Structures are given as structure tokens and as C-alpha cells.
Amino acid sequence: MGHRSYINFNSTVACFERITIGSDCAISWDTTILDGNLHELSAAGVARPRTRPVHIGDNVWIGTGATIVGASIGAGAVVGARSMVSADVDPATLVTGNPAQVARKDVTWQW
């Protein structure tokens, strides 16, 4: 976890292999960040990986109640409240919803 980042109360970070959080990140309350769940899952007969690394870049804002599962969040991105992110998010992009979808590009935010 980088310098000047914080995780608000009632949040969960469950790391089985690798989660990295950059500097200057704001992780709101009631969020969940996990890199897997260790259950065996097969789709169409193909085993899915039990874990996928999570990387949260610098200056990322994760809104209240969001869930991040095995995805990379690019620097300067914003994850809207209650969003479910399971795919990579480009830098300086706002994503919202379940599943998270791009709402805006070229966003900036400040503390």
C-alpha cells in the first residue's frame, strides 16, 4: 500500500496471493477488495483460476460499497459507489454499476 492512501472503516481486503494499492488512493467505507475466493469453478469444462491479482494504481478513488475482484484499476480512475469491478479499468476512467461499465473518460478528482 502506497504513501498517503487510506482504507475507510468496515472495508475488507482479502488477499490470497497479490493485491497492490498505489499512493494517494481513497478507498471508501464498506468496500471489498479480493484477489480470489479459492473455490474451484469450471465453465464449459474449463477450470477458471482460483485467484487473479488486483492492482490499484496511484490516485484512485473507490466509492462506498464497491467490490473489486481480480482486476487492475488504472491510475487516476474512479469506481462509483456500489459498483462491481471484475475487469480492468483504464487510467482516468469513471466506472459505475454492476457489472461496472465505463461512464466517463478523462476524469480527474481531488481529495
N, C-alpha and C. Protein backbone atom coordinates (compact mmCIF):
# COMPACT_ATOMS: atom_id res chain seq x y z
N MET A 1 0.86 -1.17 0.00
CA MET A 1 0.00 0.00 0.00
C MET A 1 0.90 1.22 0.00
N GLY A 2 0.61 2.15 -0.91
CA GLY A 2 1.44 3.32 -1.08
C GLY A 2 1.22 4.42 -0.06
N HIS A 3 2.04 5.41 -0.17
CA HIS A 3 2.05 6.57 0.72
C HIS A 3 0.75 7.37 0.59
N ARG A 4 0.21 7.83 1.69
CA ARG A 4 -0.98 8.69 1.79
C ARG A 4 -2.27 8.03 1.28
N SER A 5 -2.29 6.73 1.16
CA SER A 5 -3.53 6.02 0.82
C SER A 5 -4.23 5.62 2.11
N TYR A 6 -5.55 5.48 2.03
CA TYR A 6 -6.29 5.05 3.21
C TYR A 6 -7.45 4.14 2.82
N ILE A 7 -7.83 3.30 3.77
CA ILE A 7 -8.99 2.42 3.63
C ILE A 7 -9.92 2.77 4.77
N ASN A 8 -11.13 3.18 4.45
CA ASN A 8 -12.10 3.57 5.46
C ASN A 8 -12.65 2.36 6.21
N PHE A 9 -13.41 2.64 7.27
CA PHE A 9 -13.90 1.59 8.15
C PHE A 9 -14.88 0.64 7.44
N ASN A 10 -15.01 -0.54 8.03
CA ASN A 10 -15.93 -1.57 7.58
C ASN A 10 -15.63 -2.07 6.17
N SER A 11 -14.39 -1.98 5.75
CA SER A 11 -13.96 -2.50 4.46
C SER A 11 -13.17 -3.78 4.66
N THR A 12 -13.14 -4.60 3.61
CA THR A 12 -12.45 -5.88 3.67
C THR A 12 -11.45 -5.99 2.53
N VAL A 13 -10.23 -6.40 2.86
CA VAL A 13 -9.22 -6.73 1.85
C VAL A 13 -8.82 -8.17 2.13
N ALA A 14 -9.17 -9.07 1.19
CA ALA A 14 -8.85 -10.50 1.34
C ALA A 14 -7.85 -10.87 0.26
N CYS A 15 -6.61 -11.07 0.69
CA CYS A 15 -5.52 -11.34 -0.24
C CYS A 15 -5.04 -12.77 -0.09
N PHE A 16 -5.19 -13.55 -1.17
CA PHE A 16 -4.69 -14.92 -1.17
C PHE A 16 -3.33 -15.00 -1.84
N GLU A 17 -3.06 -14.12 -2.82
CA GLU A 17 -1.76 -14.11 -3.49
C GLU A 17 -1.19 -12.71 -3.66
N ARG A 18 -1.91 -11.80 -4.35
CA ARG A 18 -1.32 -10.49 -4.61
C ARG A 18 -2.38 -9.40 -4.77
N ILE A 19 -2.30 -8.40 -3.90
CA ILE A 19 -3.06 -7.16 -4.02
C ILE A 19 -2.09 -6.02 -3.79
N THR A 20 -2.03 -5.07 -4.72
CA THR A 20 -1.20 -3.88 -4.53
C THR A 20 -2.09 -2.65 -4.64
N ILE A 21 -1.81 -1.67 -3.80
CA ILE A 21 -2.55 -0.42 -3.76
C ILE A 21 -1.53 0.70 -3.84
N GLY A 22 -1.71 1.60 -4.80
CA GLY A 22 -0.76 2.68 -5.02
C GLY A 22 -0.84 3.78 -3.98
N SER A 23 -0.17 4.88 -4.26
CA SER A 23 -0.15 6.06 -3.38
C SER A 23 -1.36 6.96 -3.66
N ASP A 24 -1.73 7.73 -2.65
CA ASP A 24 -2.79 8.74 -2.77
C ASP A 24 -4.14 8.15 -3.17
N CYS A 25 -4.43 6.95 -2.71
CA CYS A 25 -5.72 6.30 -3.01
C CYS A 25 -6.70 6.53 -1.87
N ALA A 26 -7.97 6.72 -2.24
CA ALA A 26 -9.05 6.88 -1.28
C ALA A 26 -10.00 5.70 -1.46
N ILE A 27 -10.04 4.82 -0.48
CA ILE A 27 -10.91 3.66 -0.52
C ILE A 27 -11.99 3.87 0.52
N SER A 28 -13.21 4.08 0.05
CA SER A 28 -14.33 4.44 0.93
C SER A 28 -14.77 3.27 1.79
N TRP A 29 -15.70 3.55 2.71
CA TRP A 29 -16.19 2.55 3.63
C TRP A 29 -17.01 1.48 2.91
N ASP A 30 -17.14 0.34 3.56
CA ASP A 30 -17.93 -0.80 3.09
C ASP A 30 -17.45 -1.36 1.75
N THR A 31 -16.20 -1.20 1.40
CA THR A 31 -15.69 -1.76 0.14
C THR A 31 -15.12 -3.16 0.39
N THR A 32 -15.05 -3.93 -0.68
CA THR A 32 -14.47 -5.26 -0.62
C THR A 32 -13.47 -5.38 -1.76
N ILE A 33 -12.26 -5.78 -1.43
CA ILE A 33 -11.22 -5.99 -2.44
C ILE A 33 -10.67 -7.39 -2.22
N LEU A 34 -10.76 -8.24 -3.27
CA LEU A 34 -10.22 -9.58 -3.15
C LEU A 34 -9.63 -10.07 -4.45
N ASP A 35 -8.63 -10.92 -4.30
CA ASP A 35 -7.95 -11.45 -5.49
C ASP A 35 -8.39 -12.88 -5.81
N GLY A 36 -9.42 -13.37 -5.17
CA GLY A 36 -9.96 -14.69 -5.44
C GLY A 36 -10.81 -15.16 -4.28
N ASN A 37 -11.34 -16.37 -4.42
CA ASN A 37 -12.13 -16.92 -3.32
C ASN A 37 -11.75 -18.36 -3.00
N LEU A 38 -10.79 -18.90 -3.76
CA LEU A 38 -10.22 -20.23 -3.56
C LEU A 38 -11.20 -21.38 -3.79
N HIS A 39 -12.35 -21.11 -4.40
CA HIS A 39 -13.27 -22.18 -4.78
C HIS A 39 -12.98 -22.61 -6.21
N GLU A 40 -13.06 -23.90 -6.44
CA GLU A 40 -12.89 -24.43 -7.80
C GLU A 40 -14.13 -24.10 -8.61
N LEU A 41 -13.94 -23.51 -9.80
CA LEU A 41 -15.05 -23.20 -10.69
C LEU A 41 -14.65 -23.55 -12.11
N SER A 42 -15.49 -24.30 -12.78
CA SER A 42 -15.25 -24.62 -14.18
C SER A 42 -16.40 -24.06 -15.00
N ALA A 43 -16.07 -23.55 -16.17
CA ALA A 43 -17.08 -23.03 -17.11
C ALA A 43 -16.88 -23.77 -18.42
N ALA A 44 -17.93 -24.43 -18.89
CA ALA A 44 -17.86 -25.23 -20.11
C ALA A 44 -16.71 -26.23 -20.05
N GLY A 45 -16.49 -26.80 -18.87
CA GLY A 45 -15.46 -27.81 -18.70
C GLY A 45 -14.05 -27.29 -18.52
N VAL A 46 -13.88 -25.97 -18.53
CA VAL A 46 -12.56 -25.38 -18.39
C VAL A 46 -12.44 -24.77 -16.99
N ALA A 47 -11.41 -25.22 -16.25
CA ALA A 47 -11.20 -24.69 -14.90
C ALA A 47 -10.80 -23.23 -14.97
N ARG A 48 -11.42 -22.41 -14.13
CA ARG A 48 -11.07 -20.99 -14.03
C ARG A 48 -10.02 -20.83 -12.93
N PRO A 49 -9.18 -19.80 -13.04
CA PRO A 49 -8.16 -19.61 -11.98
C PRO A 49 -8.82 -19.29 -10.64
N ARG A 50 -8.21 -19.80 -9.59
CA ARG A 50 -8.74 -19.53 -8.24
C ARG A 50 -8.45 -18.10 -7.79
N THR A 51 -7.39 -17.51 -8.30
CA THR A 51 -7.05 -16.13 -7.94
C THR A 51 -6.64 -15.36 -9.19
N ARG A 52 -6.80 -14.04 -9.11
CA ARG A 52 -6.29 -13.11 -10.12
C ARG A 52 -5.79 -11.89 -9.36
N PRO A 53 -4.58 -11.41 -9.67
CA PRO A 53 -4.03 -10.28 -8.92
C PRO A 53 -4.90 -9.03 -9.05
N VAL A 54 -4.88 -8.24 -8.00
CA VAL A 54 -5.53 -6.92 -8.00
C VAL A 54 -4.42 -5.88 -7.94
N HIS A 55 -4.48 -4.92 -8.84
CA HIS A 55 -3.55 -3.79 -8.79
C HIS A 55 -4.37 -2.52 -8.86
N ILE A 56 -4.22 -1.68 -7.85
CA ILE A 56 -4.89 -0.38 -7.81
C ILE A 56 -3.80 0.65 -7.98
N GLY A 57 -3.86 1.41 -9.07
CA GLY A 57 -2.84 2.40 -9.37
C GLY A 57 -2.87 3.59 -8.43
N ASP A 58 -1.98 4.54 -8.65
CA ASP A 58 -1.92 5.75 -7.83
C ASP A 58 -3.14 6.63 -8.07
N ASN A 59 -3.54 7.37 -7.02
CA ASN A 59 -4.59 8.39 -7.10
C ASN A 59 -5.92 7.81 -7.59
N VAL A 60 -6.30 6.65 -7.06
CA VAL A 60 -7.57 6.01 -7.39
C VAL A 60 -8.56 6.26 -6.26
N TRP A 61 -9.81 6.54 -6.63
CA TRP A 61 -10.89 6.72 -5.66
C TRP A 61 -11.88 5.58 -5.86
N ILE A 62 -12.09 4.79 -4.81
CA ILE A 62 -13.06 3.70 -4.85
C ILE A 62 -14.22 4.08 -3.95
N GLY A 63 -15.40 4.21 -4.54
CA GLY A 63 -16.58 4.67 -3.83
C GLY A 63 -17.12 3.65 -2.84
N THR A 64 -17.96 4.14 -1.95
CA THR A 64 -18.52 3.32 -0.88
C THR A 64 -19.26 2.10 -1.42
N GLY A 65 -19.02 0.97 -0.78
CA GLY A 65 -19.73 -0.25 -1.12
C GLY A 65 -19.27 -0.94 -2.39
N ALA A 66 -18.22 -0.45 -3.03
CA ALA A 66 -17.74 -1.07 -4.26
C ALA A 66 -17.05 -2.40 -3.95
N THR A 67 -17.04 -3.28 -4.94
CA THR A 67 -16.35 -4.56 -4.84
C THR A 67 -15.39 -4.68 -6.01
N ILE A 68 -14.14 -5.01 -5.71
CA ILE A 68 -13.11 -5.21 -6.72
C ILE A 68 -12.67 -6.67 -6.61
N VAL A 69 -12.78 -7.43 -7.71
CA VAL A 69 -12.39 -8.84 -7.70
C VAL A 69 -11.46 -9.09 -8.88
N GLY A 70 -10.20 -9.36 -8.61
CA GLY A 70 -9.25 -9.77 -9.63
C GLY A 70 -9.17 -8.84 -10.82
N ALA A 71 -8.96 -7.56 -10.59
CA ALA A 71 -8.90 -6.58 -11.68
C ALA A 71 -7.83 -5.54 -11.38
N SER A 72 -7.37 -4.87 -12.44
CA SER A 72 -6.45 -3.75 -12.29
C SER A 72 -7.22 -2.45 -12.51
N ILE A 73 -6.97 -1.49 -11.63
CA ILE A 73 -7.61 -0.18 -11.72
C ILE A 73 -6.51 0.81 -12.06
N GLY A 74 -6.59 1.46 -13.22
CA GLY A 74 -5.55 2.37 -13.68
C GLY A 74 -5.45 3.63 -12.84
N ALA A 75 -4.29 4.27 -12.89
CA ALA A 75 -4.03 5.50 -12.13
C ALA A 75 -5.07 6.56 -12.44
N GLY A 76 -5.54 7.24 -11.40
CA GLY A 76 -6.48 8.34 -11.56
C GLY A 76 -7.91 7.92 -11.82
N ALA A 77 -8.20 6.63 -11.81
CA ALA A 77 -9.56 6.15 -12.08
C ALA A 77 -10.46 6.35 -10.87
N VAL A 78 -11.76 6.32 -11.12
CA VAL A 78 -12.78 6.43 -10.08
C VAL A 78 -13.76 5.28 -10.25
N VAL A 79 -14.02 4.56 -9.16
CA VAL A 79 -15.00 3.49 -9.15
C VAL A 79 -16.21 3.99 -8.37
N GLY A 80 -17.36 4.06 -9.03
CA GLY A 80 -18.57 4.58 -8.40
C GLY A 80 -19.07 3.71 -7.26
N ALA A 81 -19.85 4.33 -6.39
CA ALA A 81 -20.42 3.64 -5.24
C ALA A 81 -21.21 2.41 -5.67
N ARG A 82 -21.05 1.34 -4.91
CA ARG A 82 -21.74 0.07 -5.11
C ARG A 82 -21.44 -0.63 -6.43
N SER A 83 -20.38 -0.22 -7.11
CA SER A 83 -20.01 -0.86 -8.37
C SER A 83 -19.32 -2.19 -8.12
N MET A 84 -19.46 -3.10 -9.08
CA MET A 84 -18.82 -4.41 -9.04
C MET A 84 -17.83 -4.48 -10.17
N VAL A 85 -16.54 -4.48 -9.84
CA VAL A 85 -15.48 -4.44 -10.85
C VAL A 85 -14.78 -5.79 -10.90
N SER A 86 -14.87 -6.47 -12.05
CA SER A 86 -14.17 -7.74 -12.23
C SER A 86 -13.36 -7.74 -13.52
N ALA A 87 -13.29 -6.59 -14.19
CA ALA A 87 -12.48 -6.42 -15.39
C ALA A 87 -11.62 -5.18 -15.22
N ASP A 88 -10.51 -5.11 -15.94
CA ASP A 88 -9.58 -4.00 -15.80
C ASP A 88 -10.24 -2.67 -16.17
N VAL A 89 -9.81 -1.61 -15.46
CA VAL A 89 -10.30 -0.24 -15.67
C VAL A 89 -9.12 0.60 -16.15
N ASP A 90 -9.32 1.31 -17.25
CA ASP A 90 -8.27 2.17 -17.79
C ASP A 90 -7.99 3.35 -16.87
N PRO A 91 -6.79 3.93 -16.96
CA PRO A 91 -6.48 5.13 -16.17
C PRO A 91 -7.47 6.26 -16.47
N ALA A 92 -7.68 7.12 -15.48
CA ALA A 92 -8.52 8.33 -15.61
C ALA A 92 -9.90 8.03 -16.18
N THR A 93 -10.48 6.91 -15.75
CA THR A 93 -11.80 6.49 -16.23
C THR A 93 -12.73 6.30 -15.04
N LEU A 94 -13.98 6.75 -15.18
CA LEU A 94 -15.02 6.54 -14.18
C LEU A 94 -15.84 5.33 -14.61
N VAL A 95 -15.96 4.35 -13.72
CA VAL A 95 -16.82 3.20 -13.97
C VAL A 95 -17.90 3.14 -12.90
N THR A 96 -19.08 2.67 -13.31
CA THR A 96 -20.20 2.55 -12.38
C THR A 96 -21.02 1.32 -12.73
N GLY A 97 -21.76 0.81 -11.75
CA GLY A 97 -22.73 -0.25 -11.99
C GLY A 97 -22.25 -1.63 -11.65
N ASN A 98 -23.16 -2.60 -11.92
CA ASN A 98 -22.91 -4.00 -11.67
C ASN A 98 -23.41 -4.80 -12.86
N PRO A 99 -22.50 -5.25 -13.72
CA PRO A 99 -21.05 -5.08 -13.67
C PRO A 99 -20.65 -3.65 -14.03
N ALA A 100 -19.50 -3.25 -13.55
CA ALA A 100 -19.02 -1.88 -13.81
C ALA A 100 -18.83 -1.66 -15.31
N GLN A 101 -19.32 -0.51 -15.76
CA GLN A 101 -19.19 -0.09 -17.15
C GLN A 101 -18.59 1.32 -17.18
N VAL A 102 -17.94 1.66 -18.27
CA VAL A 102 -17.36 3.00 -18.40
C VAL A 102 -18.49 4.03 -18.47
N ALA A 103 -18.43 5.01 -17.56
CA ALA A 103 -19.40 6.10 -17.56
C ALA A 103 -18.79 7.37 -18.16
N ARG A 104 -17.50 7.60 -17.91
CA ARG A 104 -16.80 8.79 -18.43
C ARG A 104 -15.32 8.45 -18.57
N LYS A 105 -14.67 9.12 -19.49
CA LYS A 105 -13.22 9.01 -19.65
C LYS A 105 -12.59 10.37 -19.38
N ASP A 106 -11.28 10.38 -19.19
CA ASP A 106 -10.52 11.61 -18.91
C ASP A 106 -11.04 12.34 -17.68
N VAL A 107 -11.28 11.59 -16.60
CA VAL A 107 -11.74 12.20 -15.35
C VAL A 107 -10.55 12.54 -14.46
N THR A 108 -10.75 13.50 -13.59
CA THR A 108 -9.79 13.82 -12.53
C THR A 108 -10.58 14.00 -11.25
N TRP A 109 -9.91 13.82 -10.13
CA TRP A 109 -10.54 14.04 -8.83
C TRP A 109 -9.49 14.52 -7.84
N GLN A 110 -9.94 15.15 -6.76
CA GLN A 110 -9.04 15.65 -5.72
C GLN A 110 -9.61 15.29 -4.37
N TRP A 111 -8.71 15.18 -3.38
CA TRP A 111 -9.13 14.94 -2.00
C TRP A 111 -9.91 16.12 -1.53
